[in-house]
Amino acid sequence: MSAIKLTHPSADRNSQPISEALLSQVDKQTPNLRLLEIASGSGQHAGFLAPLLPNIRFQTTEYARQNFDSLSAYAADCATGNICPPLFVDISQELPHWEASTLQQVKSDSYDYMLNCNMMHISPWSCSVGLFRAAGQLLKPGGKLFTYGPYAQDGQLTPQSNVDFDADLRRRNSTWGIRDIRDLKLLAETNGLKLDRVTDMPSNNKFLTWLKF
């Protein structure tokens, strides 16, 4: 492994179940499909997933520029060569305000899939708003946004470990917190998406599939 690749234990644990959920819902045959990952972090998920889906080109993005070396290292080491160099994205910003160099490569209605893992609960609500806004603009009709993490449902957050986690997040930053699927459905509908599937995952997480209609 390259010395500049960052690794996180949580990504080590969840990459396999995320891959199983993703592979069951994407086209594994059609060539030259495109996936945009928002908040790619270290690049571990893209590094794990891309070799399993050589027909899909993965575009990683990140707000924390200090992760770019790690993201680039995962891209360079990808045996199937289908991870693009990372782009800077502040997902809280509206698309016209994204960096010019990013907008040169990211075009409306051009992505078959989008992926976002473990961002919404550790970022301000404006980032969740921006994620669904971008999905509505960047996905092709019939495209899918996949989101992974802990979620509440209809005002109910379970089990107690998630309740405690949410309280800790809000103590650390008042703008953070586990999001309710009910609220996300309203965001989705505002941007031309609908909740298509909820997949229960290990460690009290969920993998949500949002369909652009």
C-alpha atoms as a PDB file:
ATOM      1  CA  MET A   1       0.000   0.000   0.000  1.00  0.00           C
ATOM      2  CA  SER A   2       1.220   3.460  -0.851  1.00  0.00           C
ATOM      3  CA  ALA A   3       2.559   5.343   2.171  1.00  0.00           C
ATOM      4  CA  ILE A   4       0.317   8.329   1.437  1.00  0.00           C
ATOM      5  CA  LYS A   5      -2.904   6.326   1.394  1.00  0.00           C
ATOM      6  CA  LEU A   6      -5.023   7.198   4.411  1.00  0.00           C
ATOM      7  CA  THR A   7      -7.037   4.433   6.052  1.00  0.00           C
ATOM      8  CA  HIS A   8      -9.888   4.567   8.545  1.00  0.00           C
ATOM      9  CA  PRO A   9     -11.069   1.519  10.517  1.00  0.00           C
ATOM     10  CA  SER A  10     -14.722   2.315   9.809  1.00  0.00           C
ATOM     11  CA  ALA A  11     -14.092   2.255   6.044  1.00  0.00           C
ATOM     12  CA  ASP A  12     -12.224  -1.026   6.433  1.00  0.00           C
ATOM     13  CA  ARG A  13     -15.296  -2.483   8.138  1.00  0.00           C
ATOM     14  CA  ASN A  14     -18.039  -1.101   5.900  1.00  0.00           C
ATOM     15  CA  SER A  15     -16.493  -1.325   2.424  1.00  0.00           C
ATOM     16  CA  GLN A  16     -17.589  -4.941   1.935  1.00  0.00           C
ATOM     17  CA  PRO A  17     -21.255  -4.490   2.952  1.00  0.00           C
ATOM     18  CA  ILE A  18     -21.435  -1.249   0.953  1.00  0.00           C
ATOM     19  CA  SER A  19     -20.081  -3.083  -2.080  1.00  0.00           C
ATOM     20  CA  GLU A  20     -22.704  -5.815  -1.719  1.00  0.00           C
ATOM     21  CA  ALA A  21     -25.519  -3.272  -1.540  1.00  0.00           C
ATOM     22  CA  LEU A  22     -24.144  -1.270  -4.461  1.00  0.00           C
ATOM     23  CA  LEU A  23     -23.393  -4.195  -6.763  1.00  0.00           C
ATOM     24  CA  SER A  24     -26.952  -5.465  -6.435  1.00  0.00           C
ATOM     25  CA  GLN A  25     -28.338  -2.179  -7.787  1.00  0.00           C
ATOM     26  CA  VAL A  26     -26.033  -1.038 -10.590  1.00  0.00           C
ATOM     27  CA  ASP A  27     -25.480  -2.037 -14.210  1.00  0.00           C
ATOM     28  CA  LYS A  28     -22.333  -4.182 -14.276  1.00  0.00           C
ATOM     29  CA  GLN A  29     -22.240  -4.659 -18.060  1.00  0.00           C
ATOM     30  CA  THR A  30     -22.793  -1.404 -19.976  1.00  0.00           C
ATOM     31  CA  PRO A  31     -19.417   0.253 -20.654  1.00  0.00           C
ATOM     32  CA  ASN A  32     -18.469   3.837 -19.828  1.00  0.00           C
ATOM     33  CA  LEU A  33     -20.980   4.478 -17.071  1.00  0.00           C
ATOM     34  CA  ARG A  34     -20.128   7.263 -14.629  1.00  0.00           C
ATOM     35  CA  LEU A  35     -20.353   7.544 -10.843  1.00  0.00           C
ATOM     36  CA  LEU A  36     -19.767  10.724  -8.859  1.00  0.00           C
ATOM     37  CA  GLU A  37     -18.785  10.246  -5.221  1.00  0.00           C
ATOM     38  CA  ILE A  38     -19.379  13.227  -2.953  1.00  0.00           C
ATOM     39  CA  ALA A  39     -17.174  13.546   0.150  1.00  0.00           C
ATOM     40  CA  SER A  40     -14.813  10.729  -0.791  1.00  0.00           C
ATOM     41  CA  GLY A  41     -12.717  11.083   2.353  1.00  0.00           C
ATOM     42  CA  SER A  42      -9.531   9.025   2.184  1.00  0.00           C
ATOM     43  CA  GLY A  43     -10.518   7.281  -1.052  1.00  0.00           C
ATOM     44  CA  GLN A  44     -10.894   3.857   0.545  1.00  0.00           C
ATOM     45  CA  HIS A  45     -14.425   3.277  -0.721  1.00  0.00           C
ATOM     46  CA  ALA A  46     -13.546   4.183  -4.305  1.00  0.00           C
ATOM     47  CA  GLY A  47     -10.391   2.087  -4.054  1.00  0.00           C
ATOM     48  CA  PHE A  48     -12.438  -0.915  -2.928  1.00  0.00           C
ATOM     49  CA  LEU A  49     -15.420  -0.474  -5.249  1.00  0.00           C
ATOM     50  CA  ALA A  50     -13.885   0.584  -8.556  1.00  0.00           C
ATOM     51  CA  PRO A  51     -12.059  -2.709  -9.303  1.00  0.00           C
ATOM     52  CA  LEU A  52     -15.372  -4.540  -8.780  1.00  0.00           C
ATOM     53  CA  LEU A  53     -17.083  -2.344 -11.401  1.00  0.00           C
ATOM     54  CA  PRO A  54     -14.588  -1.812 -14.231  1.00  0.00           C
ATOM     55  CA  ASN A  55     -17.372  -0.577 -16.538  1.00  0.00           C
ATOM     56  CA  ILE A  56     -18.012   2.419 -14.272  1.00  0.00           C
ATOM     57  CA  ARG A  57     -15.691   5.415 -14.065  1.00  0.00           C
ATOM     58  CA  PHE A  58     -15.487   6.733 -10.510  1.00  0.00           C
ATOM     59  CA  GLN A  59     -15.076  10.471  -9.999  1.00  0.00           C
ATOM     60  CA  THR A  60     -14.012  11.235  -6.438  1.00  0.00           C
ATOM     61  CA  THR A  61     -14.569  14.632  -4.825  1.00  0.00           C
ATOM     62  CA  GLU A  62     -13.608  16.120  -1.482  1.00  0.00           C
ATOM     63  CA  TYR A  63     -13.835  19.360   0.488  1.00  0.00           C
ATOM     64  CA  ALA A  64     -10.713  18.661   2.568  1.00  0.00           C
ATOM     65  CA  ARG A  65      -7.839  19.289   0.187  1.00  0.00           C
ATOM     66  CA  GLN A  66      -5.437  17.564   2.575  1.00  0.00           C
ATOM     67  CA  ASN A  67      -7.049  14.280   1.464  1.00  0.00           C
ATOM     68  CA  PHE A  68      -6.170  14.795  -2.197  1.00  0.00           C
ATOM     69  CA  ASP A  69      -2.813  12.992  -1.976  1.00  0.00           C
ATOM     70  CA  SER A  70      -4.517   9.945  -0.516  1.00  0.00           C
ATOM     71  CA  LEU A  71      -7.326  10.080  -3.082  1.00  0.00           C
ATOM     72  CA  SER A  72      -4.788  10.360  -5.889  1.00  0.00           C
ATOM     73  CA  ALA A  73      -2.831   7.412  -4.496  1.00  0.00           C
ATOM     74  CA  TYR A  74      -5.914   5.176  -4.484  1.00  0.00           C
ATOM     75  CA  ALA A  75      -6.626   6.251  -8.061  1.00  0.00           C
ATOM     76  CA  ALA A  76      -3.058   5.568  -9.174  1.00  0.00           C
ATOM     77  CA  ASP A  77      -3.018   2.129  -7.546  1.00  0.00           C
ATOM     78  CA  CYS A  78      -6.398   1.030  -8.945  1.00  0.00           C
ATOM     79  CA  ALA A  79      -5.687  -2.054 -11.050  1.00  0.00           C
ATOM     80  CA  THR A  80      -8.644  -1.382 -13.353  1.00  0.00           C
ATOM     81  CA  GLY A  81      -7.704   2.269 -13.890  1.00  0.00           C
ATOM     82  CA  ASN A  82     -11.235   3.608 -13.520  1.00  0.00           C
ATOM     83  CA  ILE A  83     -10.804   6.161 -10.717  1.00  0.00           C
ATOM     84  CA  CYS A  84     -10.386   9.761 -11.857  1.00  0.00           C
ATOM     85  CA  PRO A  85      -8.173  12.282 -10.034  1.00  0.00           C
ATOM     86  CA  PRO A  86     -10.099  14.023  -7.227  1.00  0.00           C
ATOM     87  CA  LEU A  87     -12.009  17.257  -7.666  1.00  0.00           C
ATOM     88  CA  PHE A  88     -12.748  19.901  -5.044  1.00  0.00           C
ATOM     89  CA  VAL A  89     -16.437  20.178  -4.159  1.00  0.00           C
ATOM     90  CA  ASP A  90     -18.090  22.198  -1.415  1.00  0.00           C
ATOM     91  CA  ILE A  91     -21.428  20.427  -1.575  1.00  0.00           C
ATOM     92  CA  SER A  92     -23.139  23.170   0.447  1.00  0.00           C
ATOM     93  CA  GLN A  93     -22.669  25.531  -2.508  1.00  0.00           C
ATOM     94  CA  GLU A  94     -25.011  25.730  -5.478  1.00  0.00           C
ATOM     95  CA  LEU A  95     -23.636  24.193  -8.655  1.00  0.00           C
ATOM     96  CA  PRO A  96     -22.842  27.480 -10.470  1.00  0.00           C
ATOM     97  CA  HIS A  97     -20.601  28.425  -7.522  1.00  0.00           C
ATOM     98  CA  TRP A  98     -18.465  25.282  -7.695  1.00  0.00           C
ATOM     99  CA  GLU A  99     -14.830  25.794  -8.705  1.00  0.00           C
ATOM    100  CA  ALA A 100     -14.319  26.437 -12.411  1.00  0.00           C
ATOM    101  CA  SER A 101     -11.882  23.522 -12.720  1.00  0.00           C
ATOM    102  CA  THR A 102     -14.519  21.186 -11.259  1.00  0.00           C
ATOM    103  CA  LEU A 103     -17.288  22.510 -13.505  1.00  0.00           C
ATOM    104  CA  GLN A 104     -15.116  21.818 -16.545  1.00  0.00           C
ATOM    105  CA  GLN A 105     -15.524  18.106 -15.797  1.00  0.00           C
ATOM    106  CA  VAL A 106     -18.850  17.887 -13.956  1.00  0.00           C
ATOM    107  CA  LYS A 107     -21.827  18.465 -16.248  1.00  0.00           C
ATOM    108  CA  SER A 108     -25.588  18.414 -15.749  1.00  0.00           C
ATOM    109  CA  ASP A 109     -27.445  15.155 -16.486  1.00  0.00           C
ATOM    110  CA  SER A 110     -24.173  13.307 -17.059  1.00  0.00           C
ATOM    111  CA  TYR A 111     -23.911  10.792 -14.199  1.00  0.00           C
ATOM    112  CA  ASP A 112     -25.526   7.396 -13.959  1.00  0.00           C
ATOM    113  CA  TYR A 113     -24.874   7.137 -10.232  1.00  0.00           C
ATOM    114  CA  MET A 114     -23.868   9.222  -7.231  1.00  0.00           C
ATOM    115  CA  LEU A 115     -22.539   7.923  -3.917  1.00  0.00           C
ATOM    116  CA  ASN A 116     -22.258   9.580  -0.519  1.00  0.00           C
ATOM    117  CA  CYS A 117     -21.124   7.722   2.595  1.00  0.00           C
ATOM    118  CA  ASN A 118     -21.073   8.930   6.190  1.00  0.00           C
ATOM    119  CA  MET A 119     -21.313  12.639   5.444  1.00  0.00           C
ATOM    120  CA  MET A 120     -24.772  13.861   6.360  1.00  0.00           C
ATOM    121  CA  HIS A 121     -24.559  13.328  10.108  1.00  0.00           C
ATOM    122  CA  ILE A 122     -21.143  15.005  10.459  1.00  0.00           C
ATOM    123  CA  SER A 123     -21.863  18.081   8.368  1.00  0.00           C
ATOM    124  CA  PRO A 124     -24.329  20.979   8.512  1.00  0.00           C
ATOM    125  CA  TRP A 125     -27.842  20.473   7.131  1.00  0.00           C
ATOM    126  CA  SER A 126     -26.835  22.712   4.205  1.00  0.00           C
ATOM    127  CA  CYS A 127     -24.620  19.861   2.967  1.00  0.00           C
ATOM    128  CA  SER A 128     -27.574  17.466   2.858  1.00  0.00           C
ATOM    129  CA  VAL A 129     -29.564  20.132   1.015  1.00  0.00           C
ATOM    130  CA  GLY A 130     -26.704  20.567  -1.426  1.00  0.00           C
ATOM    131  CA  LEU A 131     -26.292  16.822  -1.960  1.00  0.00           C
ATOM    132  CA  PHE A 132     -29.868  16.349  -3.124  1.00  0.00           C
ATOM    133  CA  ARG A 133     -29.783  19.564  -5.134  1.00  0.00           C
ATOM    134  CA  ALA A 134     -26.660  18.344  -6.953  1.00  0.00           C
ATOM    135  CA  ALA A 135     -28.176  14.901  -7.516  1.00  0.00           C
ATOM    136  CA  GLY A 136     -31.215  16.470  -9.117  1.00  0.00           C
ATOM    137  CA  GLN A 137     -28.981  18.429 -11.474  1.00  0.00           C
ATOM    138  CA  LEU A 138     -26.157  15.989 -12.224  1.00  0.00           C
ATOM    139  CA  LEU A 139     -27.867  12.603 -12.478  1.00  0.00           C
ATOM    140  CA  LYS A 140     -29.338  11.411 -15.737  1.00  0.00           C
ATOM    141  CA  PRO A 141     -33.073  10.653 -15.661  1.00  0.00           C
ATOM    142  CA  GLY A 142     -33.339   7.223 -14.067  1.00  0.00           C
ATOM    143  CA  GLY A 143     -30.005   7.708 -12.315  1.00  0.00           C
ATOM    144  CA  LYS A 144     -29.512   6.716  -8.695  1.00  0.00           C
ATOM    145  CA  LEU A 145     -28.087   8.442  -5.635  1.00  0.00           C
ATOM    146  CA  PHE A 146     -26.843   6.032  -2.976  1.00  0.00           C
ATOM    147  CA  THR A 147     -26.355   7.286   0.586  1.00  0.00           C
ATOM    148  CA  TYR A 148     -24.947   5.329   3.518  1.00  0.00           C
ATOM    149  CA  GLY A 149     -24.882   6.025   7.233  1.00  0.00           C
ATOM    150  CA  PRO A 150     -27.081   6.098  10.344  1.00  0.00           C
ATOM    151  CA  TYR A 151     -30.597   7.485   9.953  1.00  0.00           C
ATOM    152  CA  ALA A 152     -33.707   8.135  12.009  1.00  0.00           C
ATOM    153  CA  GLN A 153     -37.101   7.129  10.608  1.00  0.00           C
ATOM    154  CA  ASP A 154     -40.264   9.156  11.202  1.00  0.00           C
ATOM    155  CA  GLY A 155     -38.819  10.782  14.306  1.00  0.00           C
ATOM    156  CA  GLN A 156     -37.606   7.489  15.794  1.00  0.00           C
ATOM    157  CA  LEU A 157     -33.890   6.853  16.271  1.00  0.00           C
ATOM    158  CA  THR A 158     -32.811   3.380  17.326  1.00  0.00           C
ATOM    159  CA  PRO A 159     -30.998   1.642  18.942  1.00  0.00           C
ATOM    160  CA  GLN A 160     -29.682   3.416  22.019  1.00  0.00           C
ATOM    161  CA  SER A 161     -26.162   3.451  20.587  1.00  0.00           C
ATOM    162  CA  ASN A 162     -27.381   5.662  17.732  1.00  0.00           C
ATOM    163  CA  VAL A 163     -29.212   7.916  20.198  1.00  0.00           C
ATOM    164  CA  ASP A 164     -25.986   8.309  22.162  1.00  0.00           C
ATOM    165  CA  PHE A 165     -24.001   8.878  18.971  1.00  0.00           C
ATOM    166  CA  ASP A 166     -26.411  11.585  17.849  1.00  0.00           C
ATOM    167  CA  ALA A 167     -26.192  13.351  21.211  1.00  0.00           C
ATOM    168  CA  ASP A 168     -22.405  13.246  21.050  1.00  0.00           C
ATOM    169  CA  LEU A 169     -22.407  14.682  17.519  1.00  0.00           C
ATOM    170  CA  ARG A 170     -24.653  17.561  18.551  1.00  0.00           C
ATOM    171  CA  ARG A 171     -22.468  18.290  21.575  1.00  0.00           C
ATOM    172  CA  ARG A 172     -19.434  18.483  19.307  1.00  0.00           C
ATOM    173  CA  ASN A 173     -21.156  20.691  16.725  1.00  0.00           C
ATOM    174  CA  SER A 174     -24.695  22.002  16.963  1.00  0.00           C
ATOM    175  CA  THR A 175     -25.118  21.811  13.168  1.00  0.00           C
ATOM    176  CA  TRP A 176     -24.373  18.065  13.079  1.00  0.00           C
ATOM    177  CA  GLY A 177     -26.689  15.168  13.850  1.00  0.00           C
ATOM    178  CA  ILE A 178     -28.242  11.998  12.480  1.00  0.00           C
ATOM    179  CA  ARG A 179     -30.774  12.920   9.790  1.00  0.00           C
ATOM    180  CA  ASP A 180     -34.331  11.640   9.541  1.00  0.00           C
ATOM    181  CA  ILE A 181     -35.296   9.819   6.348  1.00  0.00           C
ATOM    182  CA  ARG A 182     -38.626  11.665   6.489  1.00  0.00           C
ATOM    183  CA  ASP A 183     -36.822  14.987   6.074  1.00  0.00           C
ATOM    184  CA  LEU A 184     -34.549  13.635   3.374  1.00  0.00           C
ATOM    185  CA  LYS A 185     -37.565  12.430   1.388  1.00  0.00           C
ATOM    186  CA  LEU A 186     -38.825  16.006   1.284  1.00  0.00           C
ATOM    187  CA  LEU A 187     -35.425  17.190   0.028  1.00  0.00           C
ATOM    188  CA  ALA A 188     -35.434  14.461  -2.587  1.00  0.00           C
ATOM    189  CA  GLU A 189     -38.905  15.303  -3.869  1.00  0.00           C
ATOM    190  CA  THR A 190     -37.976  18.982  -4.145  1.00  0.00           C
ATOM    191  CA  ASN A 191     -35.130  17.962  -6.466  1.00  0.00           C
ATOM    192  CA  GLY A 192     -36.841  15.372  -8.622  1.00  0.00           C
ATOM    193  CA  LEU A 193     -35.837  12.242  -6.711  1.00  0.00           C
ATOM    194  CA  LYS A 194     -37.729   9.662  -4.693  1.00  0.00           C
ATOM    195  CA  LEU A 195     -36.695   7.043  -2.149  1.00  0.00           C
ATOM    196  CA  ASP A 196     -36.547   3.731  -3.986  1.00  0.00           C
ATOM    197  CA  ARG A 197     -35.061   1.300  -1.475  1.00  0.00           C
ATOM    198  CA  VAL A 198     -33.888   1.072   2.134  1.00  0.00           C
ATOM    199  CA  THR A 199     -31.288  -1.609   2.858  1.00  0.00           C
ATOM    200  CA  ASP A 200     -30.453  -2.404   6.462  1.00  0.00           C
ATOM    201  CA  MET A 201     -26.702  -2.629   7.030  1.00  0.00           C
ATOM    202  CA  PRO A 202     -24.398  -3.780   9.825  1.00  0.00           C
ATOM    203  CA  SER A 203     -23.719  -1.553  12.841  1.00  0.00           C
ATOM    204  CA  ASN A 204     -27.217   0.008  12.717  1.00  0.00           C
ATOM    205  CA  ASN A 205     -26.590   1.807   9.428  1.00  0.00           C
ATOM    206  CA  LYS A 206     -28.685   1.951   6.271  1.00  0.00           C
ATOM    207  CA  PHE A 207     -27.973   2.099   2.554  1.00  0.00           C
ATOM    208  CA  LEU A 208     -30.573   4.315   0.878  1.00  0.00           C
ATOM    209  CA  THR A 209     -31.311   4.333  -2.843  1.00  0.00           C
ATOM    210  CA  TRP A 210     -32.781   7.501  -4.346  1.00  0.00           C
ATOM    211  CA  LEU A 211     -34.084   7.421  -7.925  1.00  0.00           C
ATOM    212  CA  LYS A 212     -34.175  10.447 -10.202  1.00  0.00           C
ATOM    213  CA  PHE A 213     -37.453  10.533 -12.077  1.00  0.00           C
END
